[in-house]
Amino acid sequence: MTLLSVRGVSKRFGGLVAVNNVSFDIAAGELVGLIGPNGSGKTTLLNILSGLADPDSGEILLDNVPCQGLTPERLAHRGVMRMFQLTRVFRRMNVVDNLLVAGRALGLGADEALSRADALITELRLDVIRHLDAGQLSGGQMKLLEFGVCFMVPPRIALLDEPFAAVHPTMKEIMGDFIRARHGKGQTFILVSHDMPVVVELCPRAVCMNAGAVVIDATTREVLNDPRVIEAYLGGQAA
């Protein structure tokens, strides 16, 4: 069953075409890698999908209902959650309170929010820092906290923008285990990452963008061995 459809979406910034007539479908339960060189339009597309930017043309359907132009808050209530390349958490709140704010904003009662926060803190191995302000955490710990924020209420689709960038290998392993476990239970993801080994390991399918357009949409191995992808992104070496 198709969960998300992107139909002919384009976005310009002045004379720059950042996203150029992009189309693809995401089925419920899929884990899809969105790859491409810097400046290929991946983050701009995530901004459109998460309501931070409006497309100039095209259509986005969630559960076959148009959703382009909705605010991030309304999309979050419809189950579209986003992790950012530059982590966004409340730095003057502790770990527990960051999670509680997210849960209460999405309609959880106080007791249920606390229960879910405790479970996520354990799963993400944040127990020893649960009462520290988020601003005191390492970059990797803040990324883990942002994972927790996104999953206080399990989303219909999670949009992850470079979650593994500049993260300690231990934190990367925790993130990978978290994604793998959730995907095994049917969670839908779009994962933007330059970490090709992680994309190969986690994502059965990949969509490669270059210069704002989709180059190829296929199994991850097919994508990484496509000559157009090798030329645009992988420096001439097949995976």
Protein backbone atom coordinates (compact mmCIF):
# COMPACT_ATOMS: atom_id res chain seq x y z
CA MET A 1 0.00 0.00 0.00
CA THR A 2 1.37 3.39 -1.01
CA LEU A 3 1.81 5.70 1.96
CA LEU A 4 3.52 8.71 0.37
CA SER A 5 3.44 9.84 -3.26
CA VAL A 6 5.63 12.60 -4.67
CA ARG A 7 4.33 13.77 -8.03
CA GLY A 8 6.30 16.15 -10.26
CA VAL A 9 7.58 18.28 -7.38
CA SER A 10 9.80 21.24 -8.24
CA LYS A 11 11.32 24.06 -6.19
CA ARG A 12 13.28 27.11 -7.35
CA PHE A 13 15.34 29.62 -5.41
CA GLY A 14 15.72 32.50 -7.84
CA GLY A 15 17.50 31.06 -10.87
CA LEU A 16 18.49 27.84 -9.08
CA VAL A 17 16.31 24.79 -9.62
CA ALA A 18 16.86 22.93 -6.34
CA VAL A 19 14.26 20.20 -6.98
CA ASN A 20 13.34 19.42 -10.56
CA ASN A 21 10.17 17.44 -11.36
CA VAL A 22 10.77 14.73 -8.73
CA SER A 23 8.39 11.78 -8.56
CA PHE A 24 8.43 8.57 -6.54
CA ASP A 25 6.22 6.50 -4.22
CA ILE A 26 6.96 5.17 -0.74
CA ALA A 27 5.03 2.10 0.37
CA ALA A 28 4.01 1.63 3.99
CA GLY A 29 6.80 -0.17 5.82
CA GLU A 30 9.58 0.73 3.35
CA LEU A 31 13.04 1.96 4.35
CA VAL A 32 14.30 4.00 1.41
CA GLY A 33 17.70 5.66 1.12
CA LEU A 34 17.76 9.10 -0.51
CA ILE A 35 21.29 9.69 -1.77
CA GLY A 36 23.21 12.04 -4.02
CA PRO A 37 26.09 14.52 -4.00
CA ASN A 38 26.03 17.72 -1.99
CA GLY A 39 23.67 20.22 -3.56
CA SER A 40 21.57 17.57 -5.29
CA GLY A 41 18.33 18.70 -3.63
CA LYS A 42 17.88 16.04 -0.96
CA THR A 43 17.45 18.36 2.03
CA THR A 44 15.26 20.75 0.05
CA LEU A 45 13.01 17.81 -0.82
CA LEU A 46 12.84 16.78 2.85
CA ASN A 47 11.97 20.40 3.71
CA ILE A 48 9.06 20.20 1.27
CA LEU A 49 7.91 16.82 2.58
CA SER A 50 8.01 18.05 6.18
CA GLY A 51 6.23 21.36 5.52
CA LEU A 52 9.21 23.68 5.96
CA ALA A 53 9.04 24.72 2.31
CA ASP A 54 6.26 24.81 -0.26
CA PRO A 55 6.80 23.32 -3.72
CA ASP A 56 6.48 25.63 -6.70
CA SER A 57 4.73 22.86 -8.59
CA GLY A 58 3.71 19.25 -8.16
CA GLU A 59 1.75 17.34 -5.59
CA ILE A 60 2.46 15.34 -2.42
CA LEU A 61 -0.06 12.75 -1.26
CA LEU A 62 -0.12 11.14 2.19
CA ASP A 63 -2.57 8.22 2.31
CA ASN A 64 -3.75 9.46 -1.10
CA VAL A 65 -4.72 12.85 0.35
CA PRO A 66 -2.87 16.01 -0.81
CA CYS A 67 -0.69 17.46 1.95
CA GLN A 68 1.59 19.99 0.28
CA GLY A 69 1.36 23.38 1.94
CA LEU A 70 0.50 22.01 5.40
CA THR A 71 2.56 23.36 8.30
CA PRO A 72 5.11 21.13 10.03
CA GLU A 73 2.81 21.01 13.07
CA ARG A 74 -0.17 19.77 11.05
CA LEU A 75 2.01 17.23 9.24
CA ALA A 76 3.38 16.00 12.58
CA HIS A 77 -0.17 15.37 13.74
CA ARG A 78 -0.73 13.43 10.51
CA GLY A 79 2.34 11.32 11.28
CA VAL A 80 5.17 12.98 9.34
CA MET A 81 8.18 13.45 11.65
CA ARG A 82 11.58 14.89 10.76
CA MET A 83 15.14 14.64 12.06
CA PHE A 84 17.45 17.45 10.97
CA GLN A 85 21.04 17.46 9.75
CA LEU A 86 21.69 20.13 12.39
CA THR A 87 20.06 18.65 15.47
CA ARG A 88 17.04 20.52 16.84
CA VAL A 89 16.33 19.92 20.52
CA PHE A 90 15.53 22.22 23.45
CA ARG A 91 19.04 22.76 24.78
CA ARG A 92 17.94 24.30 28.10
CA MET A 93 15.63 21.39 28.89
CA ASN A 94 16.83 18.05 30.18
CA VAL A 95 16.50 14.83 28.21
CA VAL A 96 13.28 13.72 29.91
CA ASP A 97 11.56 17.07 29.45
CA ASN A 98 12.49 17.20 25.74
CA LEU A 99 10.68 13.93 25.26
CA LEU A 100 7.70 14.92 27.43
CA VAL A 101 7.20 18.17 25.49
CA ALA A 102 7.09 16.22 22.22
CA GLY A 103 4.68 13.65 23.60
CA ARG A 104 2.30 16.14 25.17
CA ALA A 105 2.33 18.31 22.01
CA LEU A 106 1.16 15.25 20.05
CA GLY A 107 -1.66 14.52 22.44
CA LEU A 108 -0.28 12.03 24.97
CA GLY A 109 -1.48 12.19 28.56
CA ALA A 110 1.07 12.88 31.29
CA ASP A 111 1.42 9.28 32.47
CA GLU A 112 1.63 7.79 28.99
CA ALA A 113 4.18 10.41 27.93
CA LEU A 114 6.40 9.62 30.90
CA SER A 115 6.11 5.88 30.26
CA ARG A 116 7.07 6.27 26.61
CA ALA A 117 9.92 8.64 27.49
CA ASP A 118 11.33 6.13 29.99
CA ALA A 119 11.16 3.31 27.41
CA LEU A 120 12.90 5.39 24.73
CA ILE A 121 15.59 6.57 27.14
CA THR A 122 16.38 2.94 27.92
CA GLU A 123 16.31 1.83 24.30
CA LEU A 124 18.55 4.71 23.19
CA ARG A 125 20.89 4.18 26.16
CA LEU A 126 20.41 7.68 27.55
CA ASP A 127 19.72 6.61 31.15
CA VAL A 128 22.85 8.08 32.70
CA ILE A 129 22.23 11.51 31.14
CA ARG A 130 18.44 11.64 31.45
CA HIS A 131 18.54 14.66 33.80
CA LEU A 132 21.21 16.62 31.93
CA ASP A 133 20.22 19.62 29.84
CA ALA A 134 20.34 18.75 26.14
CA GLY A 135 22.93 21.48 25.60
CA GLN A 136 25.37 19.51 27.77
CA LEU A 137 25.17 16.40 25.57
CA SER A 138 27.61 15.36 22.87
CA GLY A 139 26.54 15.70 19.26
CA GLY A 140 25.81 11.97 19.06
CA GLN A 141 23.77 12.01 22.27
CA MET A 142 21.70 14.91 20.94
CA LYS A 143 21.07 12.90 17.77
CA LEU A 144 19.84 10.00 19.90
CA LEU A 145 17.59 12.37 21.82
CA GLU A 146 16.16 13.66 18.56
CA PHE A 147 15.40 10.06 17.57
CA GLY A 148 13.45 9.77 20.81
CA VAL A 149 11.56 13.01 20.13
CA CYS A 150 10.53 11.72 16.69
CA PHE A 151 9.27 8.44 18.12
CA MET A 152 7.40 9.57 21.23
CA VAL A 153 4.34 8.93 19.08
CA PRO A 154 5.32 6.42 16.36
CA PRO A 155 5.10 8.36 13.08
CA ARG A 156 3.54 7.19 9.85
CA ILE A 157 6.80 8.13 8.15
CA ALA A 158 10.13 9.32 9.60
CA LEU A 159 12.33 11.63 7.51
CA LEU A 160 15.96 11.34 8.65
CA ASP A 161 18.49 13.87 7.32
CA GLU A 162 22.10 12.68 7.81
CA PRO A 163 21.58 11.12 11.27
CA PHE A 164 24.99 9.38 11.17
CA ALA A 165 27.10 12.41 10.18
CA ALA A 166 30.05 13.10 12.54
CA VAL A 167 28.72 10.64 15.13
CA HIS A 168 30.83 8.32 17.31
CA PRO A 169 30.69 4.68 16.10
CA THR A 170 28.96 3.59 19.33
CA MET A 171 26.18 6.14 18.81
CA LYS A 172 25.96 5.13 15.13
CA GLU A 173 25.46 1.52 16.17
CA ILE A 174 22.65 2.48 18.56
CA MET A 175 20.97 4.51 15.81
CA GLY A 176 21.32 1.70 13.31
CA ASP A 177 19.85 -0.82 15.76
CA PHE A 178 16.97 1.57 16.49
CA ILE A 179 16.16 2.03 12.79
CA ARG A 180 16.50 -1.68 12.08
CA ALA A 181 14.22 -2.66 14.97
CA ARG A 182 11.55 -0.11 14.04
CA HIS A 183 11.67 -1.07 10.38
CA GLY A 184 11.27 -4.71 11.40
CA LYS A 185 7.99 -3.72 13.05
CA GLY A 186 6.73 -1.96 9.91
CA GLN A 187 7.95 1.62 10.42
CA THR A 188 8.39 3.65 7.23
CA PHE A 189 11.56 5.70 6.71
CA ILE A 190 13.24 7.98 4.19
CA LEU A 191 16.92 8.10 5.12
CA VAL A 192 19.27 10.73 3.68
CA SER A 193 22.89 9.72 4.24
CA HIS A 194 26.34 9.97 2.68
CA ASP A 195 27.38 6.89 4.68
CA MET A 196 27.14 4.34 1.88
CA PRO A 197 27.91 1.23 3.98
CA VAL A 198 25.03 2.15 6.29
CA VAL A 199 22.70 2.79 3.34
CA VAL A 200 23.63 -0.59 1.84
CA GLU A 201 23.06 -2.33 5.18
CA LEU A 202 19.78 -0.67 6.12
CA CYS A 203 18.02 0.31 2.90
CA PRO A 204 16.72 -2.31 0.44
CA ARG A 205 15.85 0.50 -2.01
CA ALA A 206 17.49 3.81 -2.84
CA VAL A 207 16.60 6.93 -4.81
CA CYS A 208 19.56 8.89 -6.16
CA MET A 209 19.25 12.59 -6.95
CA ASN A 210 21.63 14.83 -8.87
CA ALA A 211 21.15 18.48 -9.85
CA GLY A 212 17.67 18.40 -8.33
CA ALA A 213 16.38 15.46 -10.37
CA VAL A 214 15.99 11.73 -9.74
CA VAL A 215 18.74 9.82 -11.53
CA ILE A 216 17.57 6.31 -10.65
CA ASP A 217 15.12 4.62 -8.27
CA ALA A 218 15.90 0.92 -7.76
CA THR A 219 17.37 -1.57 -5.32
CA THR A 220 20.28 -0.06 -3.43
CA ARG A 221 22.85 -2.32 -5.10
CA GLU A 222 21.51 -1.45 -8.55
CA VAL A 223 21.63 2.25 -7.71
CA LEU A 224 25.19 2.18 -6.42
CA ASN A 225 26.40 0.30 -9.50
CA ASP A 226 24.61 2.51 -12.00
CA PRO A 227 27.16 4.40 -14.19
CA ARG A 228 25.25 7.67 -13.79
CA VAL A 229 25.45 7.42 -10.01
CA ILE A 230 29.12 6.45 -10.10
CA GLU A 231 29.89 9.46 -12.27
CA ALA A 232 27.79 11.90 -10.23
CA TYR A 233 28.48 10.75 -6.72
CA LEU A 234 30.82 7.85 -6.12
CA GLY A 235 33.95 9.09 -7.83
CA GLY A 236 34.09 6.43 -10.50
CA GLN A 237 34.10 3.34 -8.28
CA ALA A 238 31.25 0.85 -8.32
CA ALA A 239 30.03 -0.65 -5.05
